[in-house]
């Protein structure tokens, strides 16, 4: 059954116009447009959002704080200078958010982009992805309204609201 899974895309969510985009998880989809739709259903069903972005998971360069102790961790082949989005996870405490956007850096490799980000932020892990591979929603009022407004109208209840189904209730129904 190998090879039947759709490609994985990392999801980046921006909650408000003023908040920084954050890596929030991943989805499997056929292409970036499909990934945005799946991400909307998975990550924006009830919480608010201002924008969503996705990028192929394999395009992300990742390095941990521990790996940064090795001077060669950020070395790699150099290419043409391009823009990278660099994310940093500040601590191990927040389990739902992988990384906050540190910024956009022009570099010749993802390792160089992370080096630039290290001048501005600290973290326990860093990710860099070429900006050219990031697809997202346009943060215009029309897009924000059509993509994210319906989520504000939904009633949200915690799972505990619905109670538990016990074995005794299941036997009684049968």
Foldseek 3Di string as FASTA:
>chain_A
DPPPFAFKKFKWFAQDPPFFIFTFGIDGDNDQVRRQVVCLVVPQLAGHTQKMKIFGPVQKDKDFPVRVVDVCSLDDDFAAWAKKFKWAAADPPDDRTHTTTLDIDTGRDQSVVVVVSVVRDDHGMMMIGGPVRMDMDDRDPVRSCVRRVVSNPDDDDDPPVVPDDDPVNVVVVD
